[in-house]
């Protein structure tokens, strides 16, 4: 079984829920205290043994590519100012992982975004994460997914136990239990079905490990809602011919494409940040009175 060493992160979307700020700043670059959302996701990849990340970008997302590139002038000025710790921190970003960018020239669905990475991925299994989904965990979630892939040899869909309301916002996995209580054999995936469509409350949360067969199903699936190519439609199509499993991971999920969830993630990071956690907790205590 091949190792999982590559990952794809789509970041081409417009981020309309964060307008007007997302007109100038990609939502993936919004900071959780002092690190942008996308850095948390890439650090999770690195900690899981991923060696190369493919960013699926668009023309207004160049700042994300620049963030993970060298900035020689900044490094020089920091060194001249004697700020060697800051220089090393900035330099480390460009050495974190190999980053490859491909363009999605038309924003026509998350499945279409993934297709743009086909040539870079080739015939290998790979991890996939949305660029605004942050999951805090002791064991990196992608590592948990890769471990499940090595157990089953199949595509793995990351899920969490959701609420009735979650079933109106996310895809829902209907599956059969296996000898591992955290892994289910998937029977079907429904996109935002609502609470009355099926008994399962296992909702998809933006983490996957795919076998390379996913690309052929993305090429065959018909455009769905809004005339776009949707990943969950391709997954459901794939299930007619291939086995896939879900993995209920251990971690705290934040949908940072949502303003409230972004605020929750900011609080979570701030209350655990070595430099500010005590003062920040004091601020919160007084602000609630």
C-alpha atoms as a PDB file:
ATOM      1  CA  UNK A   1       0.000   0.000   0.000  1.00  0.00           C
ATOM      2  CA  UNK A   2       1.412   3.380  -1.037  1.00  0.00           C
ATOM      3  CA  UNK A   3       2.213   6.011   1.579  1.00  0.00           C
ATOM      4  CA  UNK A   4       0.140   9.167   1.722  1.00  0.00           C
ATOM      5  CA  UNK A   5       2.640  11.980   1.145  1.00  0.00           C
ATOM      6  CA  UNK A   6       0.605  14.546  -0.826  1.00  0.00           C
ATOM      7  CA  UNK A   7      -2.393  16.705   0.030  1.00  0.00           C
ATOM      8  CA  UNK A   8      -4.769  19.035  -1.794  1.00  0.00           C
ATOM      9  CA  UNK A   9      -6.296  22.167  -0.272  1.00  0.00           C
ATOM     10  CA  UNK A  10      -8.765  24.204  -2.394  1.00  0.00           C
ATOM     11  CA  UNK A  11      -8.565  27.932  -1.640  1.00  0.00           C
ATOM     12  CA  UNK A  12     -10.001  29.485  -4.798  1.00  0.00           C
ATOM     13  CA  UNK A  13     -13.460  30.433  -3.479  1.00  0.00           C
ATOM     14  CA  UNK A  14     -14.678  33.994  -3.065  1.00  0.00           C
ATOM     15  CA  UNK A  15     -15.383  33.839   0.682  1.00  0.00           C
ATOM     16  CA  UNK A  16     -18.580  35.854   0.295  1.00  0.00           C
ATOM     17  CA  UNK A  17     -19.690  35.213   3.887  1.00  0.00           C
ATOM     18  CA  UNK A  18     -16.766  37.392   5.029  1.00  0.00           C
ATOM     19  CA  UNK A  19     -17.398  40.348   2.741  1.00  0.00           C
ATOM     20  CA  UNK A  20     -16.321  43.112   2.730  1.00  0.00           C
ATOM     21  CA  UNK A  21     -12.964  42.043   4.248  1.00  0.00           C
ATOM     22  CA  UNK A  22     -12.658  39.042   1.902  1.00  0.00           C
ATOM     23  CA  UNK A  23     -12.698  41.410  -1.072  1.00  0.00           C
ATOM     24  CA  UNK A  24      -9.064  42.191  -0.238  1.00  0.00           C
ATOM     25  CA  UNK A  25      -7.991  39.422   2.153  1.00  0.00           C
ATOM     26  CA  UNK A  26      -8.643  35.731   1.407  1.00  0.00           C
ATOM     27  CA  UNK A  27     -10.690  34.169   4.200  1.00  0.00           C
ATOM     28  CA  UNK A  28      -7.976  31.500   4.499  1.00  0.00           C
ATOM     29  CA  UNK A  29      -5.589  34.267   5.597  1.00  0.00           C
ATOM     30  CA  UNK A  30      -7.794  35.590   8.395  1.00  0.00           C
ATOM     31  CA  UNK A  31      -5.754  35.262  11.602  1.00  0.00           C
ATOM     32  CA  UNK A  32      -6.525  33.135  14.614  1.00  0.00           C
ATOM     33  CA  UNK A  33      -4.517  35.426  16.910  1.00  0.00           C
ATOM     34  CA  UNK A  34      -1.167  35.417  15.059  1.00  0.00           C
ATOM     35  CA  UNK A  35      -1.445  32.621  12.486  1.00  0.00           C
ATOM     36  CA  UNK A  36      -3.777  32.496   9.497  1.00  0.00           C
ATOM     37  CA  UNK A  37      -6.368  29.747   9.163  1.00  0.00           C
ATOM     38  CA  UNK A  38      -4.461  28.082   6.318  1.00  0.00           C
ATOM     39  CA  UNK A  39      -1.319  27.706   8.448  1.00  0.00           C
ATOM     40  CA  UNK A  40      -3.162  25.623  11.044  1.00  0.00           C
ATOM     41  CA  UNK A  41      -4.270  23.259   8.273  1.00  0.00           C
ATOM     42  CA  UNK A  42      -0.828  22.985   6.674  1.00  0.00           C
ATOM     43  CA  UNK A  43       0.836  22.426  10.065  1.00  0.00           C
ATOM     44  CA  UNK A  44      -1.633  19.569  10.591  1.00  0.00           C
ATOM     45  CA  UNK A  45      -0.500  18.140   7.244  1.00  0.00           C
ATOM     46  CA  UNK A  46       3.168  18.426   8.172  1.00  0.00           C
ATOM     47  CA  UNK A  47       2.585  16.752  11.546  1.00  0.00           C
ATOM     48  CA  UNK A  48       0.855  13.900   9.678  1.00  0.00           C
ATOM     49  CA  UNK A  49       3.828  13.187   7.431  1.00  0.00           C
ATOM     50  CA  UNK A  50       2.579  15.019   4.337  1.00  0.00           C
ATOM     51  CA  UNK A  51       5.520  16.212   2.217  1.00  0.00           C
ATOM     52  CA  UNK A  52       3.803  18.194  -0.559  1.00  0.00           C
ATOM     53  CA  UNK A  53       0.662  20.343  -0.562  1.00  0.00           C
ATOM     54  CA  UNK A  54      -1.190  21.349  -3.719  1.00  0.00           C
ATOM     55  CA  UNK A  55      -3.046  24.635  -3.296  1.00  0.00           C
ATOM     56  CA  UNK A  56      -5.889  25.087  -5.788  1.00  0.00           C
ATOM     57  CA  UNK A  57      -5.961  28.868  -6.122  1.00  0.00           C
ATOM     58  CA  UNK A  58      -7.488  31.649  -8.204  1.00  0.00           C
ATOM     59  CA  UNK A  59      -6.182  35.004  -9.363  1.00  0.00           C
ATOM     60  CA  UNK A  60      -7.197  36.810  -6.169  1.00  0.00           C
ATOM     61  CA  UNK A  61      -5.408  34.343  -3.848  1.00  0.00           C
ATOM     62  CA  UNK A  62      -1.773  35.124  -4.671  1.00  0.00           C
ATOM     63  CA  UNK A  63      -1.172  36.297  -1.103  1.00  0.00           C
ATOM     64  CA  UNK A  64      -1.556  32.695   0.123  1.00  0.00           C
ATOM     65  CA  UNK A  65       1.185  31.514  -2.224  1.00  0.00           C
ATOM     66  CA  UNK A  66       3.401  34.412  -1.130  1.00  0.00           C
ATOM     67  CA  UNK A  67       2.886  33.572   2.534  1.00  0.00           C
ATOM     68  CA  UNK A  68       4.618  30.217   2.108  1.00  0.00           C
ATOM     69  CA  UNK A  69       7.395  31.640  -0.102  1.00  0.00           C
ATOM     70  CA  UNK A  70      10.668  33.304   0.890  1.00  0.00           C
ATOM     71  CA  UNK A  71      10.661  37.039   1.628  1.00  0.00           C
ATOM     72  CA  UNK A  72      14.324  37.951   1.327  1.00  0.00           C
ATOM     73  CA  UNK A  73      13.855  41.686   1.881  1.00  0.00           C
ATOM     74  CA  UNK A  74      11.848  41.149   5.084  1.00  0.00           C
ATOM     75  CA  UNK A  75      14.355  38.591   6.363  1.00  0.00           C
ATOM     76  CA  UNK A  76      17.216  41.019   5.647  1.00  0.00           C
ATOM     77  CA  UNK A  77      15.520  43.925   7.424  1.00  0.00           C
ATOM     78  CA  UNK A  78      14.724  41.788  10.472  1.00  0.00           C
ATOM     79  CA  UNK A  79      18.328  40.612  10.621  1.00  0.00           C
ATOM     80  CA  UNK A  80      19.640  44.174  10.321  1.00  0.00           C
ATOM     81  CA  UNK A  81      17.350  45.197  13.178  1.00  0.00           C
ATOM     82  CA  UNK A  82      18.677  42.378  15.349  1.00  0.00           C
ATOM     83  CA  UNK A  83      15.310  40.609  15.344  1.00  0.00           C
ATOM     84  CA  UNK A  84      16.736  37.168  14.690  1.00  0.00           C
ATOM     85  CA  UNK A  85      13.864  35.266  16.325  1.00  0.00           C
ATOM     86  CA  UNK A  86      11.337  36.956  14.026  1.00  0.00           C
ATOM     87  CA  UNK A  87      13.641  36.386  11.038  1.00  0.00           C
ATOM     88  CA  UNK A  88      13.876  32.680  11.825  1.00  0.00           C
ATOM     89  CA  UNK A  89      10.102  32.454  12.255  1.00  0.00           C
ATOM     90  CA  UNK A  90       9.475  34.072   8.849  1.00  0.00           C
ATOM     91  CA  UNK A  91      12.100  31.911   7.164  1.00  0.00           C
ATOM     92  CA  UNK A  92      10.661  28.758   8.700  1.00  0.00           C
ATOM     93  CA  UNK A  93       7.362  29.325   6.883  1.00  0.00           C
ATOM     94  CA  UNK A  94       9.026  28.801   3.501  1.00  0.00           C
ATOM     95  CA  UNK A  95      10.709  25.623   4.746  1.00  0.00           C
ATOM     96  CA  UNK A  96       7.615  24.104   6.349  1.00  0.00           C
ATOM     97  CA  UNK A  97       6.540  22.007   3.373  1.00  0.00           C
ATOM     98  CA  UNK A  98       6.759  21.903  -0.418  1.00  0.00           C
ATOM     99  CA  UNK A  99       3.850  23.947  -1.777  1.00  0.00           C
ATOM    100  CA  UNK A 100       2.624  23.652  -5.371  1.00  0.00           C
ATOM    101  CA  UNK A 101      -0.079  25.948  -6.768  1.00  0.00           C
ATOM    102  CA  UNK A 102      -2.533  25.198  -9.560  1.00  0.00           C
ATOM    103  CA  UNK A 103      -5.224  27.566 -10.807  1.00  0.00           C
ATOM    104  CA  UNK A 104      -8.960  26.999 -10.875  1.00  0.00           C
ATOM    105  CA  UNK A 105      -9.910  29.440 -13.615  1.00  0.00           C
ATOM    106  CA  UNK A 106     -13.654  28.869 -13.141  1.00  0.00           C
ATOM    107  CA  UNK A 107     -15.105  28.602  -9.641  1.00  0.00           C
ATOM    108  CA  UNK A 108     -17.610  25.850 -10.402  1.00  0.00           C
ATOM    109  CA  UNK A 109     -17.630  23.569  -7.393  1.00  0.00           C
ATOM    110  CA  UNK A 110     -15.317  21.867  -4.920  1.00  0.00           C
ATOM    111  CA  UNK A 111     -15.174  18.740  -7.088  1.00  0.00           C
ATOM    112  CA  UNK A 112     -13.988  20.821 -10.034  1.00  0.00           C
ATOM    113  CA  UNK A 113     -11.358  22.376  -7.763  1.00  0.00           C
ATOM    114  CA  UNK A 114     -10.002  18.954  -6.855  1.00  0.00           C
ATOM    115  CA  UNK A 115      -9.829  17.943 -10.523  1.00  0.00           C
ATOM    116  CA  UNK A 116      -7.311  20.733 -11.122  1.00  0.00           C
ATOM    117  CA  UNK A 117      -4.801  18.855  -8.947  1.00  0.00           C
ATOM    118  CA  UNK A 118      -5.027  15.581 -10.892  1.00  0.00           C
ATOM    119  CA  UNK A 119      -1.748  15.920 -12.804  1.00  0.00           C
ATOM    120  CA  UNK A 120       0.245  16.827  -9.692  1.00  0.00           C
ATOM    121  CA  UNK A 121      -1.217  13.994  -7.588  1.00  0.00           C
ATOM    122  CA  UNK A 122      -0.894  11.297 -10.229  1.00  0.00           C
ATOM    123  CA  UNK A 123      -1.606   7.692  -9.272  1.00  0.00           C
ATOM    124  CA  UNK A 124      -1.220   8.102  -5.510  1.00  0.00           C
ATOM    125  CA  UNK A 125      -3.498   8.227  -2.482  1.00  0.00           C
ATOM    126  CA  UNK A 126      -3.683  11.725  -1.029  1.00  0.00           C
ATOM    127  CA  UNK A 127      -5.147  13.800   1.768  1.00  0.00           C
ATOM    128  CA  UNK A 128      -7.699  16.542   1.127  1.00  0.00           C
ATOM    129  CA  UNK A 129      -8.834  19.379   3.377  1.00  0.00           C
ATOM    130  CA  UNK A 130     -10.918  22.476   2.829  1.00  0.00           C
ATOM    131  CA  UNK A 131      -9.015  25.705   3.367  1.00  0.00           C
ATOM    132  CA  UNK A 132     -11.339  27.101   6.033  1.00  0.00           C
ATOM    133  CA  UNK A 133     -11.898  24.025   8.229  1.00  0.00           C
ATOM    134  CA  UNK A 134      -9.723  23.982  11.361  1.00  0.00           C
ATOM    135  CA  UNK A 135      -9.703  20.946  13.653  1.00  0.00           C
ATOM    136  CA  UNK A 136      -7.824  21.099  16.944  1.00  0.00           C
ATOM    137  CA  UNK A 137      -6.647  17.712  18.220  1.00  0.00           C
ATOM    138  CA  UNK A 138      -3.835  16.023  20.117  1.00  0.00           C
ATOM    139  CA  UNK A 139      -3.243  13.555  17.273  1.00  0.00           C
ATOM    140  CA  UNK A 140      -3.475  15.409  13.930  1.00  0.00           C
ATOM    141  CA  UNK A 141      -6.755  14.559  12.240  1.00  0.00           C
ATOM    142  CA  UNK A 142      -5.112  13.834   8.894  1.00  0.00           C
ATOM    143  CA  UNK A 143      -2.873  11.338  10.714  1.00  0.00           C
ATOM    144  CA  UNK A 144      -5.991   9.687  12.164  1.00  0.00           C
ATOM    145  CA  UNK A 145      -7.422   9.517   8.636  1.00  0.00           C
ATOM    146  CA  UNK A 146      -4.233   8.050   7.193  1.00  0.00           C
ATOM    147  CA  UNK A 147      -4.201   5.391   9.911  1.00  0.00           C
ATOM    148  CA  UNK A 148      -7.790   4.471   8.943  1.00  0.00           C
ATOM    149  CA  UNK A 149      -6.740   4.318   5.281  1.00  0.00           C
ATOM    150  CA  UNK A 150      -3.969   1.849   6.145  1.00  0.00           C
ATOM    151  CA  UNK A 151      -6.531  -0.295   7.992  1.00  0.00           C
ATOM    152  CA  UNK A 152      -9.068  -0.382   5.169  1.00  0.00           C
ATOM    153  CA  UNK A 153      -7.174   0.425   1.957  1.00  0.00           C
ATOM    154  CA  UNK A 154     -10.107   2.598   0.874  1.00  0.00           C
ATOM    155  CA  UNK A 155     -11.099   6.230   0.591  1.00  0.00           C
ATOM    156  CA  UNK A 156     -11.705   7.692   4.064  1.00  0.00           C
ATOM    157  CA  UNK A 157     -14.229  10.442   4.838  1.00  0.00           C
ATOM    158  CA  UNK A 158     -13.718  12.351   8.076  1.00  0.00           C
ATOM    159  CA  UNK A 159     -16.892  12.720  10.130  1.00  0.00           C
ATOM    160  CA  UNK A 160     -18.102  13.893  13.506  1.00  0.00           C
ATOM    161  CA  UNK A 161     -21.285  13.168  15.404  1.00  0.00           C
ATOM    162  CA  UNK A 162     -23.509  16.100  14.511  1.00  0.00           C
ATOM    163  CA  UNK A 163     -26.825  17.596  15.524  1.00  0.00           C
ATOM    164  CA  UNK A 164     -30.116  17.816  13.639  1.00  0.00           C
ATOM    165  CA  UNK A 165     -29.111  21.339  12.610  1.00  0.00           C
ATOM    166  CA  UNK A 166     -25.748  20.098  11.310  1.00  0.00           C
ATOM    167  CA  UNK A 167     -27.576  17.830   8.856  1.00  0.00           C
ATOM    168  CA  UNK A 168     -28.912  20.959   7.130  1.00  0.00           C
ATOM    169  CA  UNK A 169     -25.397  22.411   6.718  1.00  0.00           C
ATOM    170  CA  UNK A 170     -23.154  19.447   5.872  1.00  0.00           C
ATOM    171  CA  UNK A 171     -23.100  16.173   3.993  1.00  0.00           C
ATOM    172  CA  UNK A 172     -24.328  13.202   6.039  1.00  0.00           C
ATOM    173  CA  UNK A 173     -22.839   9.694   5.891  1.00  0.00           C
ATOM    174  CA  UNK A 174     -25.080   6.653   6.205  1.00  0.00           C
ATOM    175  CA  UNK A 175     -22.935   3.619   7.023  1.00  0.00           C
ATOM    176  CA  UNK A 176     -22.545   0.173   8.518  1.00  0.00           C
ATOM    177  CA  UNK A 177     -20.414  -0.434  11.643  1.00  0.00           C
ATOM    178  CA  UNK A 178     -17.120  -2.333  11.494  1.00  0.00           C
ATOM    179  CA  UNK A 179     -15.003  -3.943  14.212  1.00  0.00           C
ATOM    180  CA  UNK A 180     -13.565  -0.475  14.865  1.00  0.00           C
ATOM    181  CA  UNK A 181     -16.304   1.697  16.423  1.00  0.00           C
ATOM    182  CA  UNK A 182     -14.815   4.826  14.830  1.00  0.00           C
ATOM    183  CA  UNK A 183     -14.903   3.399  11.286  1.00  0.00           C
ATOM    184  CA  UNK A 184     -18.068   2.747   9.251  1.00  0.00           C
ATOM    185  CA  UNK A 185     -18.469   1.268   5.796  1.00  0.00           C
ATOM    186  CA  UNK A 186     -20.286   3.958   3.822  1.00  0.00           C
ATOM    187  CA  UNK A 187     -23.583   3.072   2.139  1.00  0.00           C
ATOM    188  CA  UNK A 188     -24.390   6.570   0.849  1.00  0.00           C
ATOM    189  CA  UNK A 189     -23.607  10.238   1.325  1.00  0.00           C
ATOM    190  CA  UNK A 190     -26.334  12.846   1.130  1.00  0.00           C
ATOM    191  CA  UNK A 191     -25.649  16.568   0.733  1.00  0.00           C
ATOM    192  CA  UNK A 192     -27.417  18.584   3.466  1.00  0.00           C
ATOM    193  CA  UNK A 193     -30.402  16.209   3.692  1.00  0.00           C
ATOM    194  CA  UNK A 194     -31.940  17.535   6.913  1.00  0.00           C
ATOM    195  CA  UNK A 195     -32.759  15.486  10.029  1.00  0.00           C
ATOM    196  CA  UNK A 196     -35.720  13.534   8.629  1.00  0.00           C
ATOM    197  CA  UNK A 197     -34.002  11.915   5.637  1.00  0.00           C
ATOM    198  CA  UNK A 198     -31.958   9.282   7.512  1.00  0.00           C
ATOM    199  CA  UNK A 199     -31.122   8.186  11.024  1.00  0.00           C
ATOM    200  CA  UNK A 200     -27.384   8.917  10.837  1.00  0.00           C
ATOM    201  CA  UNK A 201     -25.920  12.087  12.324  1.00  0.00           C
ATOM    202  CA  UNK A 202     -22.361  11.499  11.028  1.00  0.00           C
ATOM    203  CA  UNK A 203     -21.610  14.735   9.197  1.00  0.00           C
ATOM    204  CA  UNK A 204     -18.673  15.367   6.860  1.00  0.00           C
ATOM    205  CA  UNK A 205     -16.249  18.019   8.072  1.00  0.00           C
ATOM    206  CA  UNK A 206     -13.664  18.744   5.428  1.00  0.00           C
ATOM    207  CA  UNK A 207     -11.052  16.004   5.913  1.00  0.00           C
ATOM    208  CA  UNK A 208     -10.541  13.120   3.495  1.00  0.00           C
ATOM    209  CA  UNK A 209      -7.999  10.590   2.319  1.00  0.00           C
ATOM    210  CA  UNK A 210      -8.716   9.656  -1.298  1.00  0.00           C
ATOM    211  CA  UNK A 211      -7.538   6.854  -3.491  1.00  0.00           C
ATOM    212  CA  UNK A 212      -6.679   8.168  -6.992  1.00  0.00           C
ATOM    213  CA  UNK A 213      -9.851   6.621  -8.473  1.00  0.00           C
ATOM    214  CA  UNK A 214     -11.753   9.689  -7.250  1.00  0.00           C
ATOM    215  CA  UNK A 215     -10.535  11.640 -10.278  1.00  0.00           C
ATOM    216  CA  UNK A 216     -12.249   9.349 -12.797  1.00  0.00           C
ATOM    217  CA  UNK A 217     -15.551   9.714 -10.935  1.00  0.00           C
ATOM    218  CA  UNK A 218     -15.186  13.485 -10.786  1.00  0.00           C
ATOM    219  CA  UNK A 219     -14.716  13.477 -14.561  1.00  0.00           C
ATOM    220  CA  UNK A 220     -17.869  11.396 -15.047  1.00  0.00           C
ATOM    221  CA  UNK A 221     -20.239  12.976 -12.547  1.00  0.00           C
ATOM    222  CA  UNK A 222     -22.816  15.374 -13.941  1.00  0.00           C
ATOM    223  CA  UNK A 223     -23.036  18.972 -12.693  1.00  0.00           C
ATOM    224  CA  UNK A 224     -25.294  19.218  -9.668  1.00  0.00           C
ATOM    225  CA  UNK A 225     -26.781  22.107  -7.735  1.00  0.00           C
ATOM    226  CA  UNK A 226     -25.981  25.448  -9.362  1.00  0.00           C
ATOM    227  CA  UNK A 227     -24.483  23.692 -12.371  1.00  0.00           C
ATOM    228  CA  UNK A 228     -21.335  22.919 -10.347  1.00  0.00           C
ATOM    229  CA  UNK A 229     -19.249  19.770  -9.847  1.00  0.00           C
ATOM    230  CA  UNK A 230     -19.658  18.643  -6.240  1.00  0.00           C
ATOM    231  CA  UNK A 231     -17.283  16.321  -4.426  1.00  0.00           C
ATOM    232  CA  UNK A 232     -20.045  14.561  -2.460  1.00  0.00           C
ATOM    233  CA  UNK A 233     -21.846  13.737  -5.733  1.00  0.00           C
ATOM    234  CA  UNK A 234     -18.680  12.092  -7.060  1.00  0.00           C
ATOM    235  CA  UNK A 235     -18.238  10.213  -3.783  1.00  0.00           C
ATOM    236  CA  UNK A 236     -21.801   8.929  -3.928  1.00  0.00           C
ATOM    237  CA  UNK A 237     -21.244   7.883  -7.565  1.00  0.00           C
ATOM    238  CA  UNK A 238     -18.017   6.121  -6.559  1.00  0.00           C
ATOM    239  CA  UNK A 239     -19.861   4.053  -3.951  1.00  0.00           C
ATOM    240  CA  UNK A 240     -21.666   2.166  -6.737  1.00  0.00           C
ATOM    241  CA  UNK A 241     -18.329   0.641  -7.739  1.00  0.00           C
ATOM    242  CA  UNK A 242     -15.903   1.023  -4.828  1.00  0.00           C
ATOM    243  CA  UNK A 243     -15.912   0.679  -1.063  1.00  0.00           C
ATOM    244  CA  UNK A 244     -15.262   3.710   1.131  1.00  0.00           C
ATOM    245  CA  UNK A 245     -15.247   4.205   4.884  1.00  0.00           C
ATOM    246  CA  UNK A 246     -15.862   7.050   7.294  1.00  0.00           C
ATOM    247  CA  UNK A 247     -13.631   7.828  10.261  1.00  0.00           C
ATOM    248  CA  UNK A 248     -15.042   9.518  13.349  1.00  0.00           C
ATOM    249  CA  UNK A 249     -11.981  11.485  14.411  1.00  0.00           C
ATOM    250  CA  UNK A 250     -10.996  12.815  17.811  1.00  0.00           C
ATOM    251  CA  UNK A 251     -10.829  16.611  17.674  1.00  0.00           C
ATOM    252  CA  UNK A 252     -12.665  19.934  17.963  1.00  0.00           C
ATOM    253  CA  UNK A 253     -14.010  21.142  14.621  1.00  0.00           C
ATOM    254  CA  UNK A 254     -14.386  24.790  13.583  1.00  0.00           C
ATOM    255  CA  UNK A 255     -16.003  25.736  10.269  1.00  0.00           C
ATOM    256  CA  UNK A 256     -14.041  28.978   9.891  1.00  0.00           C
ATOM    257  CA  UNK A 257     -15.935  29.902   6.730  1.00  0.00           C
ATOM    258  CA  UNK A 258     -18.729  30.772   9.171  1.00  0.00           C
ATOM    259  CA  UNK A 259     -18.420  33.986  11.211  1.00  0.00           C
ATOM    260  CA  UNK A 260     -19.598  32.483  14.489  1.00  0.00           C
ATOM    261  CA  UNK A 261     -17.371  29.411  14.118  1.00  0.00           C
ATOM    262  CA  UNK A 262     -14.423  31.652  13.229  1.00  0.00           C
ATOM    263  CA  UNK A 263     -15.024  33.636  16.424  1.00  0.00           C
ATOM    264  CA  UNK A 264     -15.150  30.395  18.437  1.00  0.00           C
ATOM    265  CA  UNK A 265     -11.877  29.252  16.873  1.00  0.00           C
ATOM    266  CA  UNK A 266     -10.256  32.594  17.707  1.00  0.00           C
ATOM    267  CA  UNK A 267     -11.329  32.218  21.347  1.00  0.00           C
ATOM    268  CA  UNK A 268     -10.053  28.638  21.459  1.00  0.00           C
ATOM    269  CA  UNK A 269      -6.619  29.648  20.157  1.00  0.00           C
ATOM    270  CA  UNK A 270      -6.373  32.802  22.291  1.00  0.00           C
ATOM    271  CA  UNK A 271      -7.179  30.936  25.505  1.00  0.00           C
ATOM    272  CA  UNK A 272      -4.331  28.514  24.789  1.00  0.00           C
ATOM    273  CA  UNK A 273      -1.792  31.006  23.437  1.00  0.00           C
ATOM    274  CA  UNK A 274       1.263  31.180  25.723  1.00  0.00           C
ATOM    275  CA  UNK A 275       1.753  34.932  25.291  1.00  0.00           C
ATOM    276  CA  UNK A 276      -1.781  36.148  25.952  1.00  0.00           C
ATOM    277  CA  UNK A 277      -3.948  33.388  27.456  1.00  0.00           C
ATOM    278  CA  UNK A 278      -4.025  34.726  31.044  1.00  0.00           C
ATOM    279  CA  UNK A 279      -4.646  38.355  30.075  1.00  0.00           C
ATOM    280  CA  UNK A 280      -7.189  37.304  27.462  1.00  0.00           C
ATOM    281  CA  UNK A 281      -9.090  35.203  30.008  1.00  0.00           C
ATOM    282  CA  UNK A 282      -9.166  38.246  32.304  1.00  0.00           C
ATOM    283  CA  UNK A 283     -10.565  40.397  29.490  1.00  0.00           C
ATOM    284  CA  UNK A 284     -13.292  37.835  28.829  1.00  0.00           C
ATOM    285  CA  UNK A 285     -14.208  37.663  32.488  1.00  0.00           C
ATOM    286  CA  UNK A 286     -14.754  41.408  32.701  1.00  0.00           C
ATOM    287  CA  UNK A 287     -16.460  41.707  29.317  1.00  0.00           C
ATOM    288  CA  UNK A 288     -19.203  39.285  30.378  1.00  0.00           C
ATOM    289  CA  UNK A 289     -20.270  41.387  33.364  1.00  0.00           C
END
